[in-house]
Amino acid sequence: MYRIITGLQACTATETASDRTAARTPCCGSCDRVRIEAHLLSLNADDRSLRFSAGVVTDDSIRAYVARIRFGHDMVLGLVSQRGLLFGLAHGCVYDSRGQLHVEAAFSVDAAWRGFGLGTALMDAVKQQAQNIATDRTALVGLCSARNRPMRRIFESAGLAMQREGDEVHAHAWVNAPSSAEPGQRATH
């Protein structure tokens, strides 16, 4: 069993590798940088390459990435076990491009937890939050390596249109604000 943690919450404790069974109040806020960093650092070289759509991703690159996460602005969602272990992460980087709000989604799930639809659950949560912040509509975008089949399946199941450009796949969908959808119409297209 797991739960998706969203938004900023008061962090009462942090988890260490030697204390995984103690009670925790998990959060995905700035107080969670250590757990997020530990999760990303635990990915093997191939998983890091797929997660960041890059070649070699060093420990220092991951630390710099985590330091740049804009908690309170970006969407940072975590999959947290009953023991409080962060084993999955979605980062929806929120930005404006030519007056249009965009959310670029990226995901990672620990190897032992893959194959249970958790990446799709994270994508659905990011999509829902993108819909909630949309004033009219928001561009939900993603980028992955063409060899990243799980990520391509997640984009496809979320209804994102995909276009291959060399070794990369670019995914895109518009997410409408709840009030901007026509009656009987889906919120995304």
N, C-alpha and C. Protein backbone atom coordinates (compact mmCIF):
# COMPACT_ATOMS: atom_id res chain seq x y z
N MET A 1 0.84 -1.18 0.00
CA MET A 1 0.00 0.00 0.00
C MET A 1 0.88 1.24 0.00
N TYR A 2 0.42 2.29 -0.64
CA TYR A 2 1.17 3.53 -0.72
C TYR A 2 0.19 4.69 -0.77
N ARG A 3 0.72 5.89 -0.65
CA ARG A 3 -0.11 7.07 -0.86
C ARG A 3 0.71 8.10 -1.60
N ILE A 4 0.02 8.95 -2.35
CA ILE A 4 0.69 10.03 -3.06
C ILE A 4 0.62 11.26 -2.17
N ILE A 5 1.76 11.84 -1.92
CA ILE A 5 1.86 13.03 -1.09
C ILE A 5 2.05 14.22 -2.01
N THR A 6 1.23 15.25 -1.83
CA THR A 6 1.32 16.44 -2.67
C THR A 6 1.45 17.68 -1.81
N GLY A 7 1.95 18.72 -2.43
CA GLY A 7 1.98 20.02 -1.78
C GLY A 7 2.97 20.13 -0.64
N LEU A 8 2.93 21.26 0.02
CA LEU A 8 3.81 21.52 1.15
C LEU A 8 3.09 21.17 2.43
N GLN A 9 3.71 20.35 3.24
CA GLN A 9 3.16 19.96 4.53
C GLN A 9 4.25 20.14 5.57
N ALA A 10 3.87 20.28 6.81
CA ALA A 10 4.86 20.37 7.88
C ALA A 10 5.61 19.05 7.98
N CYS A 11 6.90 19.12 7.97
CA CYS A 11 7.72 17.91 8.04
C CYS A 11 8.15 17.71 9.48
N THR A 12 7.74 16.61 10.07
CA THR A 12 8.05 16.37 11.48
C THR A 12 9.28 15.51 11.67
N ALA A 13 9.70 14.81 10.63
CA ALA A 13 10.88 13.95 10.77
C ALA A 13 11.39 13.60 9.39
N THR A 14 12.63 13.21 9.33
CA THR A 14 13.18 12.71 8.08
C THR A 14 13.61 11.28 8.30
N GLU A 15 13.60 10.52 7.22
CA GLU A 15 13.91 9.11 7.32
C GLU A 15 15.38 8.87 7.01
N THR A 16 16.00 8.00 7.74
CA THR A 16 17.36 7.59 7.44
C THR A 16 17.33 6.12 7.04
N ALA A 17 18.36 5.70 6.37
CA ALA A 17 18.40 4.31 5.90
C ALA A 17 18.31 3.32 7.04
N SER A 18 18.82 3.68 8.23
CA SER A 18 18.82 2.74 9.35
C SER A 18 17.54 2.79 10.18
N ASP A 19 16.59 3.67 9.82
CA ASP A 19 15.40 3.85 10.64
C ASP A 19 14.14 3.86 9.78
N ARG A 20 13.94 2.85 8.95
CA ARG A 20 12.84 2.85 8.00
C ARG A 20 11.51 2.44 8.59
N THR A 21 11.48 1.87 9.77
CA THR A 21 10.21 1.39 10.31
C THR A 21 9.57 2.37 11.28
N ALA A 22 10.24 3.44 11.63
CA ALA A 22 9.67 4.41 12.57
C ALA A 22 8.54 5.18 11.90
N ALA A 23 7.60 5.67 12.69
CA ALA A 23 6.47 6.44 12.16
C ALA A 23 6.97 7.75 11.57
N ARG A 24 6.38 8.14 10.47
CA ARG A 24 6.80 9.36 9.79
C ARG A 24 5.58 10.12 9.30
N THR A 25 5.75 11.43 9.16
CA THR A 25 4.78 12.25 8.46
C THR A 25 5.47 12.70 7.18
N PRO A 26 5.27 11.98 6.09
CA PRO A 26 5.98 12.29 4.86
C PRO A 26 5.47 13.58 4.23
N CYS A 27 6.34 14.26 3.51
CA CYS A 27 5.95 15.47 2.82
C CYS A 27 6.76 15.62 1.54
N CYS A 28 6.27 16.42 0.65
CA CYS A 28 7.01 16.77 -0.55
C CYS A 28 7.18 18.27 -0.58
N GLY A 29 7.96 18.74 0.34
CA GLY A 29 8.29 20.15 0.42
C GLY A 29 9.79 20.30 0.54
N SER A 30 10.23 21.51 0.77
CA SER A 30 11.67 21.76 0.84
C SER A 30 12.34 20.93 1.93
N CYS A 31 11.58 20.55 2.96
CA CYS A 31 12.15 19.71 4.02
C CYS A 31 12.40 18.28 3.54
N ASP A 32 11.91 17.95 2.36
CA ASP A 32 12.06 16.60 1.83
C ASP A 32 13.20 16.47 0.83
N ARG A 33 13.99 17.50 0.66
CA ARG A 33 15.08 17.43 -0.32
C ARG A 33 15.99 16.22 -0.08
N VAL A 34 16.27 15.90 1.17
CA VAL A 34 17.16 14.79 1.48
C VAL A 34 16.57 13.48 0.97
N ARG A 35 15.27 13.25 1.21
CA ARG A 35 14.64 12.01 0.74
C ARG A 35 14.56 11.96 -0.78
N ILE A 36 14.27 13.10 -1.39
CA ILE A 36 14.21 13.15 -2.85
C ILE A 36 15.59 12.85 -3.43
N GLU A 37 16.60 13.49 -2.88
CA GLU A 37 17.97 13.25 -3.34
C GLU A 37 18.35 11.78 -3.17
N ALA A 38 18.03 11.20 -2.02
CA ALA A 38 18.36 9.79 -1.78
C ALA A 38 17.66 8.89 -2.78
N HIS A 39 16.40 9.18 -3.08
CA HIS A 39 15.66 8.38 -4.07
C HIS A 39 16.34 8.46 -5.43
N LEU A 40 16.66 9.65 -5.89
CA LEU A 40 17.27 9.80 -7.21
C LEU A 40 18.68 9.23 -7.26
N LEU A 41 19.44 9.39 -6.18
CA LEU A 41 20.79 8.83 -6.14
C LEU A 41 20.78 7.30 -6.13
N SER A 42 19.68 6.71 -5.68
CA SER A 42 19.60 5.24 -5.63
C SER A 42 19.33 4.63 -7.00
N LEU A 43 18.95 5.45 -7.98
CA LEU A 43 18.72 4.92 -9.33
C LEU A 43 20.05 4.49 -9.94
N ASN A 44 20.03 3.36 -10.67
CA ASN A 44 21.25 2.92 -11.32
C ASN A 44 21.54 3.81 -12.54
N ALA A 45 22.68 3.62 -13.17
CA ALA A 45 23.12 4.50 -14.25
C ALA A 45 22.12 4.54 -15.41
N ASP A 46 21.58 3.39 -15.80
CA ASP A 46 20.61 3.36 -16.90
C ASP A 46 19.32 4.07 -16.52
N ASP A 47 18.83 3.84 -15.30
CA ASP A 47 17.61 4.50 -14.84
C ASP A 47 17.80 6.01 -14.75
N ARG A 48 18.97 6.45 -14.31
CA ARG A 48 19.25 7.88 -14.26
C ARG A 48 19.22 8.47 -15.67
N SER A 49 19.83 7.77 -16.60
CA SER A 49 19.85 8.24 -17.99
C SER A 49 18.43 8.38 -18.53
N LEU A 50 17.58 7.39 -18.25
CA LEU A 50 16.20 7.45 -18.71
C LEU A 50 15.41 8.54 -17.99
N ARG A 51 15.59 8.68 -16.69
CA ARG A 51 14.83 9.67 -15.91
C ARG A 51 15.14 11.10 -16.36
N PHE A 52 16.41 11.37 -16.63
CA PHE A 52 16.81 12.73 -16.98
C PHE A 52 16.99 12.91 -18.49
N SER A 53 16.68 11.88 -19.27
CA SER A 53 16.81 11.92 -20.72
C SER A 53 18.18 12.49 -21.11
N ALA A 54 19.20 11.90 -20.50
CA ALA A 54 20.57 12.36 -20.70
C ALA A 54 21.49 11.16 -20.73
N GLY A 55 22.73 11.39 -21.07
CA GLY A 55 23.71 10.31 -21.08
C GLY A 55 24.08 9.90 -19.67
N VAL A 56 25.26 10.29 -19.25
CA VAL A 56 25.73 9.99 -17.90
C VAL A 56 25.21 11.07 -16.95
N VAL A 57 24.54 10.64 -15.88
CA VAL A 57 24.02 11.57 -14.87
C VAL A 57 24.77 11.29 -13.57
N THR A 58 25.61 12.22 -13.19
CA THR A 58 26.47 12.04 -12.01
C THR A 58 25.71 12.36 -10.72
N ASP A 59 26.30 11.93 -9.61
CA ASP A 59 25.74 12.26 -8.30
C ASP A 59 25.65 13.78 -8.12
N ASP A 60 26.69 14.49 -8.55
CA ASP A 60 26.69 15.95 -8.42
C ASP A 60 25.58 16.58 -9.26
N SER A 61 25.31 16.02 -10.44
CA SER A 61 24.22 16.53 -11.27
C SER A 61 22.88 16.35 -10.57
N ILE A 62 22.69 15.22 -9.93
CA ILE A 62 21.45 14.97 -9.20
C ILE A 62 21.32 15.93 -8.02
N ARG A 63 22.39 16.12 -7.28
CA ARG A 63 22.35 17.05 -6.14
C ARG A 63 22.00 18.47 -6.60
N ALA A 64 22.59 18.89 -7.72
CA ALA A 64 22.29 20.22 -8.25
C ALA A 64 20.83 20.32 -8.70
N TYR A 65 20.33 19.27 -9.33
CA TYR A 65 18.92 19.24 -9.76
C TYR A 65 17.99 19.38 -8.56
N VAL A 66 18.23 18.59 -7.52
CA VAL A 66 17.37 18.63 -6.33
C VAL A 66 17.43 20.01 -5.68
N ALA A 67 18.61 20.62 -5.66
CA ALA A 67 18.76 21.96 -5.06
C ALA A 67 17.96 23.01 -5.82
N ARG A 68 17.72 22.78 -7.11
CA ARG A 68 16.99 23.75 -7.94
C ARG A 68 15.48 23.53 -7.96
N ILE A 69 14.97 22.48 -7.35
CA ILE A 69 13.51 22.26 -7.34
C ILE A 69 12.86 23.43 -6.61
N ARG A 70 11.86 24.01 -7.23
CA ARG A 70 11.18 25.19 -6.68
C ARG A 70 9.91 24.74 -5.94
N PHE A 71 10.10 24.30 -4.70
CA PHE A 71 8.96 23.89 -3.88
C PHE A 71 8.06 25.10 -3.68
N GLY A 72 6.76 24.87 -3.72
CA GLY A 72 5.80 25.95 -3.59
C GLY A 72 5.46 26.57 -4.93
N HIS A 73 6.21 26.25 -5.97
CA HIS A 73 5.94 26.73 -7.33
C HIS A 73 5.70 25.54 -8.25
N ASP A 74 6.65 24.61 -8.27
CA ASP A 74 6.52 23.40 -9.09
C ASP A 74 5.62 22.40 -8.39
N MET A 75 5.20 21.39 -9.14
CA MET A 75 4.44 20.28 -8.57
C MET A 75 5.44 19.19 -8.20
N VAL A 76 5.49 18.84 -6.93
CA VAL A 76 6.40 17.80 -6.46
C VAL A 76 5.55 16.78 -5.72
N LEU A 77 5.43 15.59 -6.30
CA LEU A 77 4.58 14.55 -5.74
C LEU A 77 5.42 13.33 -5.44
N GLY A 78 5.16 12.71 -4.31
CA GLY A 78 5.92 11.54 -3.93
C GLY A 78 5.05 10.34 -3.69
N LEU A 79 5.57 9.18 -4.01
CA LEU A 79 4.95 7.91 -3.62
C LEU A 79 5.64 7.49 -2.34
N VAL A 80 4.86 7.32 -1.30
CA VAL A 80 5.41 7.05 0.02
C VAL A 80 4.78 5.77 0.56
N SER A 81 5.63 4.85 1.00
CA SER A 81 5.15 3.59 1.56
C SER A 81 4.56 3.81 2.94
N GLN A 82 3.92 2.77 3.47
CA GLN A 82 3.37 2.86 4.82
C GLN A 82 4.46 3.12 5.85
N ARG A 83 5.67 2.75 5.53
CA ARG A 83 6.80 3.00 6.43
C ARG A 83 7.38 4.40 6.27
N GLY A 84 6.84 5.17 5.33
CA GLY A 84 7.34 6.52 5.10
C GLY A 84 8.48 6.60 4.11
N LEU A 85 8.75 5.52 3.39
CA LEU A 85 9.84 5.49 2.43
C LEU A 85 9.39 6.12 1.11
N LEU A 86 10.12 7.11 0.64
CA LEU A 86 9.87 7.72 -0.67
C LEU A 86 10.43 6.80 -1.74
N PHE A 87 9.56 6.21 -2.56
CA PHE A 87 10.03 5.28 -3.58
C PHE A 87 9.62 5.68 -4.98
N GLY A 88 8.95 6.79 -5.11
CA GLY A 88 8.57 7.30 -6.42
C GLY A 88 8.44 8.81 -6.36
N LEU A 89 8.73 9.47 -7.47
CA LEU A 89 8.73 10.92 -7.50
C LEU A 89 8.24 11.42 -8.84
N ALA A 90 7.40 12.43 -8.80
CA ALA A 90 7.02 13.18 -10.00
C ALA A 90 7.38 14.63 -9.76
N HIS A 91 8.01 15.23 -10.75
CA HIS A 91 8.32 16.65 -10.68
C HIS A 91 7.66 17.30 -11.89
N GLY A 92 6.69 18.15 -11.62
CA GLY A 92 6.05 18.94 -12.67
C GLY A 92 6.63 20.34 -12.62
N CYS A 93 7.55 20.62 -13.51
CA CYS A 93 8.19 21.93 -13.57
C CYS A 93 7.22 22.91 -14.24
N VAL A 94 6.80 23.92 -13.50
CA VAL A 94 5.81 24.88 -13.98
C VAL A 94 6.55 26.10 -14.54
N TYR A 95 6.22 26.47 -15.79
CA TYR A 95 6.86 27.63 -16.40
C TYR A 95 5.91 28.27 -17.40
N ASP A 96 6.24 29.50 -17.78
CA ASP A 96 5.45 30.25 -18.75
C ASP A 96 6.25 30.34 -20.04
N SER A 97 5.59 30.07 -21.15
CA SER A 97 6.22 30.22 -22.45
C SER A 97 5.27 30.99 -23.35
N ARG A 98 5.67 32.19 -23.71
CA ARG A 98 4.86 33.06 -24.57
C ARG A 98 3.46 33.28 -24.01
N GLY A 99 3.39 33.49 -22.71
CA GLY A 99 2.12 33.76 -22.07
C GLY A 99 1.26 32.54 -21.80
N GLN A 100 1.78 31.37 -22.08
CA GLN A 100 1.02 30.13 -21.88
C GLN A 100 1.66 29.31 -20.76
N LEU A 101 0.85 28.90 -19.79
CA LEU A 101 1.35 28.09 -18.68
C LEU A 101 1.66 26.68 -19.16
N HIS A 102 2.83 26.17 -18.76
CA HIS A 102 3.27 24.82 -19.10
C HIS A 102 3.64 24.06 -17.83
N VAL A 103 3.43 22.76 -17.85
CA VAL A 103 3.90 21.87 -16.79
C VAL A 103 4.65 20.75 -17.49
N GLU A 104 5.96 20.66 -17.24
CA GLU A 104 6.77 19.59 -17.81
C GLU A 104 6.94 18.50 -16.76
N ALA A 105 6.45 17.32 -17.07
CA ALA A 105 6.40 16.22 -16.11
C ALA A 105 7.56 15.25 -16.31
N ALA A 106 8.15 14.82 -15.19
CA ALA A 106 9.20 13.81 -15.20
C ALA A 106 9.00 12.91 -13.98
N PHE A 107 9.32 11.63 -14.12
CA PHE A 107 8.99 10.64 -13.10
C PHE A 107 10.14 9.69 -12.84
N SER A 108 10.10 9.10 -11.65
CA SER A 108 10.98 7.98 -11.34
C SER A 108 10.31 7.13 -10.27
N VAL A 109 10.48 5.82 -10.40
CA VAL A 109 9.95 4.85 -9.43
C VAL A 109 11.07 3.85 -9.17
N ASP A 110 11.32 3.56 -7.89
CA ASP A 110 12.34 2.57 -7.54
C ASP A 110 12.06 1.26 -8.28
N ALA A 111 13.12 0.58 -8.69
CA ALA A 111 13.00 -0.65 -9.49
C ALA A 111 12.08 -1.68 -8.85
N ALA A 112 12.15 -1.86 -7.55
CA ALA A 112 11.34 -2.88 -6.87
C ALA A 112 9.84 -2.58 -6.92
N TRP A 113 9.46 -1.35 -7.21
CA TRP A 113 8.06 -0.94 -7.21
C TRP A 113 7.50 -0.79 -8.62
N ARG A 114 8.26 -1.09 -9.64
CA ARG A 114 7.79 -0.91 -11.02
C ARG A 114 6.86 -2.03 -11.44
N GLY A 115 6.04 -1.74 -12.44
CA GLY A 115 5.13 -2.74 -12.99
C GLY A 115 3.79 -2.80 -12.29
N PHE A 116 3.51 -1.84 -11.41
CA PHE A 116 2.25 -1.82 -10.67
C PHE A 116 1.38 -0.62 -11.05
N GLY A 117 1.72 0.09 -12.12
CA GLY A 117 0.94 1.24 -12.54
C GLY A 117 1.21 2.51 -11.75
N LEU A 118 2.31 2.54 -11.02
CA LEU A 118 2.59 3.70 -10.17
C LEU A 118 3.03 4.92 -10.96
N GLY A 119 3.76 4.71 -12.05
CA GLY A 119 4.12 5.84 -12.92
C GLY A 119 2.87 6.47 -13.51
N THR A 120 1.92 5.64 -13.90
CA THR A 120 0.65 6.15 -14.42
C THR A 120 -0.11 6.91 -13.34
N ALA A 121 -0.09 6.40 -12.10
CA ALA A 121 -0.75 7.10 -11.00
C ALA A 121 -0.10 8.47 -10.76
N LEU A 122 1.22 8.54 -10.84
CA LEU A 122 1.90 9.83 -10.70
C LEU A 122 1.51 10.77 -11.83
N MET A 123 1.47 10.25 -13.06
CA MET A 123 1.09 11.08 -14.21
C MET A 123 -0.33 11.60 -14.05
N ASP A 124 -1.23 10.75 -13.61
CA ASP A 124 -2.62 11.18 -13.38
C ASP A 124 -2.69 12.28 -12.33
N ALA A 125 -1.88 12.17 -11.28
CA ALA A 125 -1.87 13.19 -10.22
C ALA A 125 -1.31 14.51 -10.74
N VAL A 126 -0.25 14.45 -11.55
CA VAL A 126 0.30 15.67 -12.15
C VAL A 126 -0.73 16.31 -13.07
N LYS A 127 -1.39 15.48 -13.86
CA LYS A 127 -2.42 15.98 -14.79
C LYS A 127 -3.55 16.66 -14.03
N GLN A 128 -3.98 16.06 -12.92
CA GLN A 128 -5.04 16.65 -12.10
C GLN A 128 -4.59 17.99 -11.51
N GLN A 129 -3.37 18.05 -11.01
CA GLN A 129 -2.88 19.31 -10.46
C GLN A 129 -2.72 20.37 -11.54
N ALA A 130 -2.30 19.96 -12.74
CA ALA A 130 -2.19 20.91 -13.85
C ALA A 130 -3.57 21.47 -14.19
N GLN A 131 -4.57 20.63 -14.15
CA GLN A 131 -5.94 21.09 -14.40
C GLN A 131 -6.37 22.07 -13.32
N ASN A 132 -6.00 21.81 -12.08
CA ASN A 132 -6.40 22.66 -10.97
C ASN A 132 -5.74 24.04 -10.99
N ILE A 133 -4.53 24.16 -11.57
CA ILE A 133 -3.87 25.46 -11.61
C ILE A 133 -4.17 26.23 -12.89
N ALA A 134 -4.80 25.59 -13.85
CA ALA A 134 -5.08 26.23 -15.14
C ALA A 134 -6.11 27.34 -14.96
N THR A 135 -5.81 28.51 -15.53
CA THR A 135 -6.81 29.58 -15.55
C THR A 135 -7.71 29.39 -16.76
N ASP A 136 -7.20 28.94 -17.84
CA ASP A 136 -7.96 28.59 -19.03
C ASP A 136 -7.55 27.18 -19.43
N ARG A 137 -6.33 27.08 -19.89
CA ARG A 137 -5.77 25.76 -20.20
C ARG A 137 -4.26 25.82 -20.00
N THR A 138 -3.71 24.66 -19.73
CA THR A 138 -2.29 24.52 -19.46
C THR A 138 -1.73 23.46 -20.40
N ALA A 139 -0.53 23.69 -20.88
CA ALA A 139 0.15 22.69 -21.70
C ALA A 139 0.85 21.71 -20.77
N LEU A 140 0.49 20.45 -20.87
CA LEU A 140 1.16 19.38 -20.13
C LEU A 140 2.15 18.75 -21.10
N VAL A 141 3.43 18.81 -20.77
CA VAL A 141 4.45 18.34 -21.70
C VAL A 141 5.37 17.34 -21.01
N GLY A 142 6.01 16.55 -21.82
CA GLY A 142 6.98 15.59 -21.32
C GLY A 142 8.02 15.33 -22.39
N LEU A 143 9.15 14.86 -21.96
CA LEU A 143 10.25 14.55 -22.84
C LEU A 143 10.89 13.28 -22.32
N CYS A 144 11.19 12.36 -23.21
CA CYS A 144 11.89 11.15 -22.78
C CYS A 144 12.73 10.62 -23.93
N SER A 145 13.63 9.75 -23.59
CA SER A 145 14.43 9.05 -24.58
C SER A 145 13.51 8.13 -25.37
N ALA A 146 13.76 7.99 -26.65
CA ALA A 146 12.94 7.11 -27.48
C ALA A 146 12.99 5.67 -26.97
N ARG A 147 14.05 5.29 -26.28
CA ARG A 147 14.17 3.92 -25.76
C ARG A 147 13.43 3.73 -24.43
N ASN A 148 12.86 4.80 -23.89
CA ASN A 148 12.16 4.72 -22.60
C ASN A 148 10.70 4.32 -22.84
N ARG A 149 10.50 3.03 -23.10
CA ARG A 149 9.16 2.53 -23.40
C ARG A 149 8.16 2.73 -22.27
N PRO A 150 8.53 2.50 -21.01
CA PRO A 150 7.55 2.74 -19.93
C PRO A 150 7.04 4.19 -19.91
N MET A 151 7.94 5.15 -20.11
CA MET A 151 7.52 6.55 -20.09
C MET A 151 6.62 6.85 -21.29
N ARG A 152 6.94 6.29 -22.43
CA ARG A 152 6.09 6.50 -23.61
C ARG A 152 4.70 5.93 -23.37
N ARG A 153 4.61 4.76 -22.71
CA ARG A 153 3.29 4.18 -22.39
C ARG A 153 2.52 5.06 -21.42
N ILE A 154 3.22 5.64 -20.45
CA ILE A 154 2.56 6.54 -19.49
C ILE A 154 2.01 7.76 -20.22
N PHE A 155 2.81 8.37 -21.08
CA PHE A 155 2.34 9.52 -21.86
C PHE A 155 1.13 9.14 -22.70
N GLU A 156 1.21 7.99 -23.35
CA GLU A 156 0.10 7.55 -24.20
C GLU A 156 -1.17 7.32 -23.38
N SER A 157 -1.05 6.66 -22.24
CA SER A 157 -2.24 6.38 -21.42
C SER A 157 -2.85 7.66 -20.85
N ALA A 158 -2.04 8.71 -20.72
CA ALA A 158 -2.54 10.00 -20.23
C ALA A 158 -3.13 10.85 -21.35
N GLY A 159 -3.07 10.35 -22.57
CA GLY A 159 -3.66 11.07 -23.69
C GLY A 159 -2.76 12.13 -24.31
N LEU A 160 -1.46 12.06 -24.05
CA LEU A 160 -0.54 13.02 -24.64
C LEU A 160 -0.17 12.58 -26.05
N ALA A 161 -0.18 13.52 -26.98
CA ALA A 161 0.28 13.25 -28.34
C ALA A 161 1.80 13.20 -28.30
N MET A 162 2.38 12.25 -29.03
CA MET A 162 3.83 12.10 -29.01
C MET A 162 4.41 12.29 -30.40
N GLN A 163 5.59 12.91 -30.42
CA GLN A 163 6.31 13.11 -31.66
C GLN A 163 7.77 12.77 -31.42
N ARG A 164 8.30 11.90 -32.27
CA ARG A 164 9.70 11.52 -32.13
C ARG A 164 10.57 12.51 -32.89
N GLU A 165 11.62 12.95 -32.22
CA GLU A 165 12.61 13.85 -32.82
C GLU A 165 13.98 13.27 -32.53
N GLY A 166 14.51 12.52 -33.47
CA GLY A 166 15.79 11.86 -33.27
C GLY A 166 15.69 10.80 -32.19
N ASP A 167 16.52 10.93 -31.16
CA ASP A 167 16.53 9.96 -30.05
C ASP A 167 15.57 10.35 -28.93
N GLU A 168 14.79 11.42 -29.12
CA GLU A 168 13.88 11.88 -28.08
C GLU A 168 12.43 11.78 -28.53
N VAL A 169 11.55 11.65 -27.55
CA VAL A 169 10.11 11.70 -27.80
C VAL A 169 9.57 12.89 -27.01
N HIS A 170 8.86 13.77 -27.71
CA HIS A 170 8.22 14.92 -27.09
C HIS A 170 6.73 14.63 -27.00
N ALA A 171 6.16 14.83 -25.81
CA ALA A 171 4.74 14.56 -25.58
C ALA A 171 4.05 15.85 -25.18
N HIS A 172 2.77 15.98 -25.58
CA HIS A 172 2.05 17.23 -25.33
C HIS A 172 0.55 16.99 -25.28
N ALA A 173 -0.10 17.68 -24.37
CA ALA A 173 -1.57 17.71 -24.32
C ALA A 173 -1.98 19.02 -23.66
N TRP A 174 -3.17 19.47 -23.97
CA TRP A 174 -3.75 20.63 -23.31
C TRP A 174 -4.64 20.14 -22.19
N VAL A 175 -4.50 20.77 -21.03
CA VAL A 175 -5.32 20.44 -19.87
C VAL A 175 -6.16 21.68 -19.58
N ASN A 176 -7.47 21.54 -19.66
CA ASN A 176 -8.37 22.67 -19.43
C ASN A 176 -8.66 22.84 -17.95
N ALA A 177 -8.88 24.09 -17.57
CA ALA A 177 -9.36 24.37 -16.21
C ALA A 177 -10.73 23.74 -16.07
N PRO A 178 -11.11 23.29 -14.87
CA PRO A 178 -12.40 22.62 -14.70
C PRO A 178 -13.58 23.42 -15.24
N SER A 179 -13.58 24.73 -15.08
CA SER A 179 -14.72 25.54 -15.52
C SER A 179 -14.71 25.81 -17.02
N SER A 180 -13.57 25.56 -17.71
CA SER A 180 -13.51 25.86 -19.14
C SER A 180 -13.93 24.68 -20.01
N ALA A 181 -14.14 23.51 -19.42
CA ALA A 181 -14.59 22.36 -20.21
C ALA A 181 -16.08 22.51 -20.49
N GLU A 182 -16.46 22.21 -21.69
CA GLU A 182 -17.88 22.24 -22.07
C GLU A 182 -18.61 21.12 -21.35
N PRO A 183 -19.91 21.31 -21.04
CA PRO A 183 -20.67 20.23 -20.40
C PRO A 183 -20.59 18.95 -21.23
N GLY A 184 -20.30 17.85 -20.57
CA GLY A 184 -20.20 16.56 -21.25
C GLY A 184 -18.88 16.33 -21.95
N GLN A 185 -17.98 17.32 -21.89
CA GLN A 185 -16.69 17.20 -22.55
C GLN A 185 -15.63 16.81 -21.54
N ARG A 186 -14.65 16.04 -21.97
CA ARG A 186 -13.53 15.69 -21.10
C ARG A 186 -12.70 16.93 -20.82
N ALA A 187 -12.00 16.91 -19.71
CA ALA A 187 -11.20 18.06 -19.31
C ALA A 187 -9.90 18.18 -20.09
N THR A 188 -9.47 17.15 -20.79
CA THR A 188 -8.23 17.22 -21.58
C THR A 188 -8.52 16.79 -22.99
N HIS A 189 -7.70 17.24 -23.88
CA HIS A 189 -7.76 16.79 -25.28
C HIS A 189 -6.42 16.90 -25.93
